[in-house]
Amino acid sequence: MEQSVYHIPALLEDSIKGLDIKPGGTYADVTFGGGGHSRAILEHLGPEGILFGFDRDTDALANAPLDRRFKFVHSDFRYISNFLHFYGHDCIDGIIADLGVSFHHFDASDRGFSFRSDAPLDMRMNRNGGKTAAEVLNSYNKEELEQLFRAFTDLKRSGLIASAIVKSREAQPLETTFQLVDAVRPTINPRAEKKDLAQVFQAIRIEVNGEMKALQCLLQQSLRVLKPGGRIAIITYHSIEDRLVKNFLRSGNIEGKIEQDIFGNINSPWKTITRSPIVPSETEIEANPRSRSAKLRIAEKI
């Protein structure tokens, strides 16, 4: 499978440069996907370097490079500490995470990630277990659905969207993407239909895959597994993720609580490399429109 078909990595040069790769270092690409970032890291590693590629989707295994320095880990990155320990690498030099959904998932018509084609409401990154989107939509009560859309979107009509879903499923269980679109369409702004539908699908996907909890686990464990001077580079695609990453890399805790010394200096285990997020250039956006919302933040463990 060609990597360019599976996924085009966003902010590739900036993220690799930000990792400040040591030729003999050990690194983890925790969102392996099409392997674009991993291949770029391998180009900078010497013979003694090591790279772990994490992905919970078995489809990604087909993209694994045939390189003795590379180890594919079929797992959610929330378990990074356990797997690194298992392989005898408790401390590593760098972590990269590209949190966007790959082209492969959006374009695979049978996965249900996109509102542009009719498909079963699945949305699981790992199809071997867990609730599908259909199970979430048909089992959550109105309050749970409303909270889901309130937490994972910027939409102002979370209650109306939840009510519309409950009303629709009373007549017939929601099983396909087009059924979901028909259910929520009356509640969204017709002038921003594609944008709003994308947020509805985003919220459901985040819930199905436990994405925010997984990200919290990764951030917390990054302090445990990175060596002093090790770096983390994280690419986000929506404000909820970016806010969490920004606050954690500033404060060192999930709550974003700032602690200061008696002189007013922030006590944090991180040295911020990017004061403001790096975003794609117009040239990159033109070549890869799906990179438009990408934001890269980089920090170094003190």
Protein backbone atom coordinates (compact mmCIF):
# COMPACT_ATOMS: atom_id res chain seq x y z
CA MET A 1 0.00 0.00 0.00
CA GLU A 2 1.43 3.37 -0.96
CA GLN A 3 1.97 5.74 1.91
CA SER A 4 0.80 8.72 -0.14
CA VAL A 5 -2.56 6.99 -0.59
CA TYR A 6 -2.88 5.88 3.05
CA HIS A 7 -1.94 9.25 4.51
CA ILE A 8 0.05 12.41 3.80
CA PRO A 9 1.74 13.51 7.04
CA ALA A 10 1.22 17.13 8.05
CA LEU A 11 4.05 19.44 9.11
CA LEU A 12 6.57 16.70 8.38
CA GLU A 13 9.76 18.77 8.16
CA ASP A 14 8.87 20.94 11.14
CA SER A 15 8.05 18.00 13.39
CA ILE A 16 11.19 16.05 12.47
CA LYS A 17 13.34 19.14 12.97
CA GLY A 18 11.64 19.78 16.31
CA LEU A 19 12.46 16.30 17.59
CA ASP A 20 16.20 17.12 17.25
CA ILE A 21 16.90 13.46 16.46
CA LYS A 22 20.05 11.85 17.81
CA PRO A 23 21.44 9.21 15.40
CA GLY A 24 21.79 6.63 18.16
CA GLY A 25 18.59 7.56 19.99
CA THR A 26 15.36 5.70 20.67
CA TYR A 27 12.08 7.20 19.47
CA ALA A 28 8.37 6.42 19.35
CA ASP A 29 5.93 7.36 16.59
CA VAL A 30 2.75 6.72 18.53
CA THR A 31 0.41 7.34 15.57
CA PHE A 32 2.17 5.27 12.92
CA GLY A 33 -0.63 5.19 10.33
CA GLY A 34 0.87 5.42 6.87
CA GLY A 35 4.39 5.59 8.29
CA GLY A 36 5.33 8.98 6.87
CA HIS A 37 6.77 10.40 10.06
CA SER A 38 8.42 7.07 10.90
CA ARG A 39 10.25 6.88 7.58
CA ALA A 40 11.52 10.42 8.05
CA ILE A 41 12.78 9.57 11.55
CA LEU A 42 14.56 6.46 10.24
CA GLU A 43 16.38 8.64 7.68
CA HIS A 44 17.90 10.58 10.59
CA LEU A 45 18.76 7.56 12.74
CA GLY A 46 22.10 5.78 12.59
CA PRO A 47 22.66 2.01 12.71
CA GLU A 48 22.17 1.94 16.48
CA GLY A 49 18.98 3.98 16.50
CA ILE A 50 15.62 2.44 17.39
CA LEU A 51 12.09 3.46 16.44
CA PHE A 52 8.82 2.10 17.80
CA GLY A 53 5.68 2.62 15.73
CA PHE A 54 2.38 2.36 17.63
CA ASP A 55 -1.00 1.88 15.95
CA ARG A 56 -4.15 0.12 17.10
CA ASP A 57 -5.44 -0.38 13.55
CA THR A 58 -4.21 -3.62 12.00
CA ASP A 59 -4.46 -1.97 8.54
CA ALA A 60 -1.39 0.11 9.45
CA LEU A 61 0.80 -2.98 9.73
CA ALA A 62 0.97 -3.18 5.92
CA ASN A 63 2.88 0.12 5.94
CA ALA A 64 5.61 -1.02 8.36
CA PRO A 65 9.09 -0.51 6.84
CA LEU A 66 11.36 -3.50 6.49
CA ASP A 67 14.06 -2.07 8.72
CA ARG A 68 15.74 -3.85 11.64
CA ARG A 69 15.70 -0.58 13.60
CA PHE A 70 11.89 -0.43 13.47
CA LYS A 71 9.42 -2.24 15.72
CA PHE A 72 5.67 -2.12 15.02
CA VAL A 73 3.51 -2.22 18.16
CA HIS A 74 -0.13 -3.08 17.56
CA SER A 75 -1.52 -1.11 20.46
CA ASP A 76 -3.16 2.10 21.58
CA PHE A 77 -0.51 4.66 22.56
CA ARG A 78 -2.09 5.00 25.98
CA TYR A 79 -0.05 1.90 26.89
CA ILE A 80 3.28 3.31 25.71
CA SER A 81 4.99 2.92 29.09
CA ASN A 82 4.06 -0.76 29.41
CA PHE A 83 5.23 -1.67 25.92
CA LEU A 84 8.49 0.25 26.14
CA HIS A 85 9.21 -1.53 29.42
CA PHE A 86 8.36 -4.88 27.81
CA TYR A 87 10.91 -4.22 25.06
CA GLY A 88 13.54 -3.06 27.54
CA HIS A 89 13.43 0.68 26.78
CA ASP A 90 11.99 2.43 29.82
CA CYS A 91 13.44 5.80 28.75
CA ILE A 92 13.54 7.16 25.21
CA ASP A 93 14.71 10.29 23.41
CA GLY A 94 11.59 11.44 21.67
CA ILE A 95 7.88 10.98 20.95
CA ILE A 96 5.88 12.15 17.97
CA ALA A 97 2.08 12.07 17.75
CA ASP A 98 0.02 13.10 14.72
CA LEU A 99 -3.46 13.01 16.22
CA GLY A 100 -5.37 13.48 13.00
CA VAL A 101 -7.44 10.73 11.42
CA SER A 102 -5.62 9.28 8.42
CA PHE A 103 -6.84 9.68 4.87
CA HIS A 104 -7.28 5.90 4.90
CA HIS A 105 -9.94 6.07 7.60
CA PHE A 106 -11.86 8.91 6.00
CA ASP A 107 -11.70 7.33 2.55
CA ALA A 108 -12.46 3.73 3.56
CA SER A 109 -16.15 3.59 2.69
CA ASP A 110 -16.88 0.73 5.10
CA ARG A 111 -15.50 2.37 8.27
CA GLY A 112 -18.14 5.09 8.80
CA PHE A 113 -15.75 7.95 9.61
CA SER A 114 -17.11 10.31 6.94
CA PHE A 115 -20.53 11.80 6.29
CA ARG A 116 -19.77 11.93 2.56
CA SER A 117 -20.58 8.26 1.88
CA ASP A 118 -23.18 5.88 3.28
CA ALA A 119 -21.63 3.24 5.51
CA PRO A 120 -22.26 1.35 8.73
CA LEU A 121 -21.76 3.51 11.82
CA ASP A 122 -18.57 1.88 13.09
CA MET A 123 -15.81 4.52 13.56
CA ARG A 124 -13.60 2.20 15.63
CA MET A 125 -9.86 2.55 15.03
CA ASN A 126 -9.47 -0.98 16.31
CA ARG A 127 -12.26 -3.10 14.85
CA ASN A 128 -11.45 -6.02 17.15
CA GLY A 129 -13.38 -4.64 20.10
CA GLY A 130 -15.21 -1.79 21.77
CA LYS A 131 -18.52 -0.06 21.10
CA THR A 132 -19.33 1.02 17.57
CA ALA A 133 -20.72 4.47 16.78
CA ALA A 134 -24.12 2.86 16.24
CA GLU A 135 -24.04 1.34 19.72
CA VAL A 136 -23.14 4.70 21.25
CA LEU A 137 -25.85 6.57 19.36
CA ASN A 138 -28.56 4.02 20.13
CA SER A 139 -27.72 3.40 23.80
CA TYR A 140 -26.72 6.77 25.28
CA ASN A 141 -29.54 8.79 26.81
CA LYS A 142 -30.21 12.38 25.79
CA GLU A 143 -28.10 13.86 28.59
CA GLU A 144 -25.12 11.65 27.73
CA LEU A 145 -25.35 12.54 24.05
CA GLU A 146 -25.65 16.24 24.85
CA GLN A 147 -22.58 16.08 27.08
CA LEU A 148 -20.67 14.26 24.32
CA PHE A 149 -21.36 17.01 21.77
CA ARG A 150 -20.76 19.76 24.33
CA ALA A 151 -17.39 18.32 25.33
CA PHE A 152 -16.03 17.41 21.91
CA THR A 153 -17.32 20.14 19.58
CA ASP A 154 -17.68 23.90 19.41
CA LEU A 155 -21.32 23.58 18.30
CA LYS A 156 -23.88 25.69 20.15
CA ARG A 157 -26.81 23.30 19.68
CA SER A 158 -25.67 20.22 21.56
CA GLY A 159 -29.06 19.74 23.23
CA LEU A 160 -30.95 20.01 19.95
CA ILE A 161 -28.59 17.56 18.24
CA ALA A 162 -28.99 15.04 21.08
CA SER A 163 -32.77 15.39 21.01
CA ALA A 164 -32.85 14.89 17.24
CA ILE A 165 -30.85 11.68 17.54
CA VAL A 166 -33.13 10.31 20.28
CA LYS A 167 -36.24 11.17 18.26
CA SER A 168 -34.85 9.56 15.11
CA ARG A 169 -33.83 6.31 16.81
CA GLU A 170 -37.29 5.95 18.37
CA ALA A 171 -38.62 5.42 14.85
CA GLN A 172 -35.68 3.30 13.68
CA PRO A 173 -32.25 2.49 15.17
CA LEU A 174 -29.42 4.52 13.65
CA GLU A 175 -27.22 2.12 11.70
CA THR A 176 -25.66 4.12 8.85
CA THR A 177 -23.90 7.42 8.34
CA PHE A 178 -26.63 8.80 6.09
CA GLN A 179 -29.26 7.99 8.72
CA LEU A 180 -27.24 10.04 11.21
CA VAL A 181 -26.90 12.91 8.72
CA ASP A 182 -30.66 12.91 8.09
CA ALA A 183 -31.32 12.89 11.85
CA VAL A 184 -29.14 15.89 12.73
CA ARG A 185 -29.45 17.98 9.55
CA PRO A 186 -32.49 19.98 10.79
CA THR A 187 -30.48 21.14 13.83
CA ILE A 188 -27.39 22.50 12.07
CA ASN A 189 -26.64 25.69 10.19
CA PRO A 190 -27.35 25.08 6.47
CA ARG A 191 -24.71 27.70 5.57
CA ALA A 192 -22.07 25.68 7.42
CA GLU A 193 -23.47 22.20 6.92
CA LYS A 194 -20.21 20.43 6.04
CA LYS A 195 -18.33 22.06 8.90
CA ASP A 196 -21.03 21.25 11.44
CA LEU A 197 -21.50 17.68 10.22
CA ALA A 198 -17.75 17.19 10.47
CA GLN A 199 -17.90 18.24 14.13
CA VAL A 200 -20.81 15.90 14.86
CA PHE A 201 -18.90 12.97 13.37
CA GLN A 202 -15.72 14.11 15.14
CA ALA A 203 -17.41 14.04 18.54
CA ILE A 204 -18.80 10.56 18.02
CA ARG A 205 -15.43 9.27 16.77
CA ILE A 206 -13.65 10.74 19.80
CA GLU A 207 -16.14 9.04 22.12
CA VAL A 208 -16.01 5.68 20.34
CA ASN A 209 -12.21 5.56 20.46
CA GLY A 210 -11.71 7.20 23.86
CA GLU A 211 -9.36 9.67 22.18
CA MET A 212 -9.19 12.32 24.86
CA LYS A 213 -8.54 9.83 27.64
CA ALA A 214 -5.86 8.18 25.51
CA LEU A 215 -4.23 11.57 24.90
CA GLN A 216 -4.26 12.34 28.62
CA CYS A 217 -2.59 8.98 29.31
CA LEU A 218 0.06 9.65 26.66
CA LEU A 219 0.86 13.10 28.03
CA GLN A 220 1.14 11.86 31.60
CA GLN A 221 3.35 8.93 30.62
CA SER A 222 5.56 11.09 28.41
CA LEU A 223 7.12 12.58 31.55
CA ARG A 224 7.90 9.06 32.75
CA VAL A 225 9.35 7.62 29.53
CA LEU A 226 11.29 10.60 28.13
CA LYS A 227 14.89 11.10 29.16
CA PRO A 228 15.96 14.56 30.40
CA GLY A 229 16.46 16.52 27.19
CA GLY A 230 14.03 14.24 25.34
CA ARG A 231 11.43 15.92 23.18
CA ILE A 232 7.76 15.48 22.39
CA ALA A 233 6.15 16.78 19.19
CA ILE A 234 2.36 16.70 18.97
CA ILE A 235 0.20 17.65 15.98
CA THR A 236 -3.45 18.41 16.82
CA TYR A 237 -6.41 19.14 14.56
CA HIS A 238 -9.11 20.61 16.76
CA SER A 239 -9.30 23.05 19.64
CA ILE A 240 -10.14 20.48 22.31
CA GLU A 241 -6.95 18.50 21.69
CA ASP A 242 -4.80 21.59 21.22
CA ARG A 243 -5.98 23.17 24.45
CA LEU A 244 -5.13 20.05 26.42
CA VAL A 245 -1.68 19.74 24.84
CA LYS A 246 -0.94 23.45 25.25
CA ASN A 247 -1.88 23.47 28.95
CA PHE A 248 0.00 20.26 29.71
CA LEU A 249 3.21 21.37 28.01
CA ARG A 250 3.01 24.65 29.90
CA SER A 251 2.15 23.30 33.35
CA GLY A 252 3.16 19.63 33.39
CA ASN A 253 -0.27 18.47 34.54
CA ILE A 254 -3.54 17.54 32.84
CA GLU A 255 -5.51 20.18 34.74
CA GLY A 256 -3.25 22.90 33.36
CA LYS A 257 -2.71 24.25 36.87
CA ILE A 258 0.24 26.66 36.90
CA GLU A 259 2.63 26.52 39.84
CA GLN A 260 5.06 29.38 40.39
CA ASP A 261 8.06 29.97 42.58
CA ILE A 262 8.40 32.97 44.89
CA PHE A 263 9.72 35.04 41.97
CA GLY A 264 6.71 34.27 39.76
CA ASN A 265 8.54 31.83 37.49
CA ILE A 266 6.46 28.91 36.25
CA ASN A 267 7.51 25.55 37.70
CA SER A 268 7.17 23.04 34.90
CA PRO A 269 9.00 19.86 33.88
CA TRP A 270 8.95 21.13 30.30
CA LYS A 271 10.96 23.64 28.31
CA THR A 272 8.69 24.95 25.58
CA ILE A 273 10.31 24.85 22.15
CA THR A 274 7.34 26.38 20.33
CA ARG A 275 5.85 29.36 22.17
CA SER A 276 3.12 29.49 19.54
CA PRO A 277 2.00 26.45 17.55
CA ILE A 278 3.56 25.84 14.14
CA VAL A 279 0.94 25.76 11.39
CA PRO A 280 1.16 24.68 7.75
CA SER A 281 2.33 27.11 5.11
CA GLU A 282 0.03 28.11 2.27
CA THR A 283 2.15 25.91 0.02
CA GLU A 284 1.57 22.86 2.22
CA ILE A 285 -2.15 23.59 2.51
CA GLU A 286 -2.42 23.86 -1.26
CA ALA A 287 -0.67 20.50 -1.68
CA ASN A 288 -2.51 18.87 1.23
CA PRO A 289 -5.79 20.68 2.08
CA ARG A 290 -6.48 18.32 4.97
CA SER A 291 -3.49 19.78 6.81
CA ARG A 292 -5.24 23.16 7.10
CA SER A 293 -6.22 22.80 10.76
CA ALA A 294 -2.97 21.17 11.93
CA LYS A 295 -1.07 22.72 14.85
CA LEU A 296 2.32 21.48 16.03
CA ARG A 297 3.59 21.98 19.57
CA ILE A 298 7.03 20.85 20.74
CA ALA A 299 8.54 20.69 24.22
CA GLU A 300 11.67 19.31 25.86
CA LYS A 301 11.72 17.50 29.18
CA ILE A 302 13.90 19.32 31.68
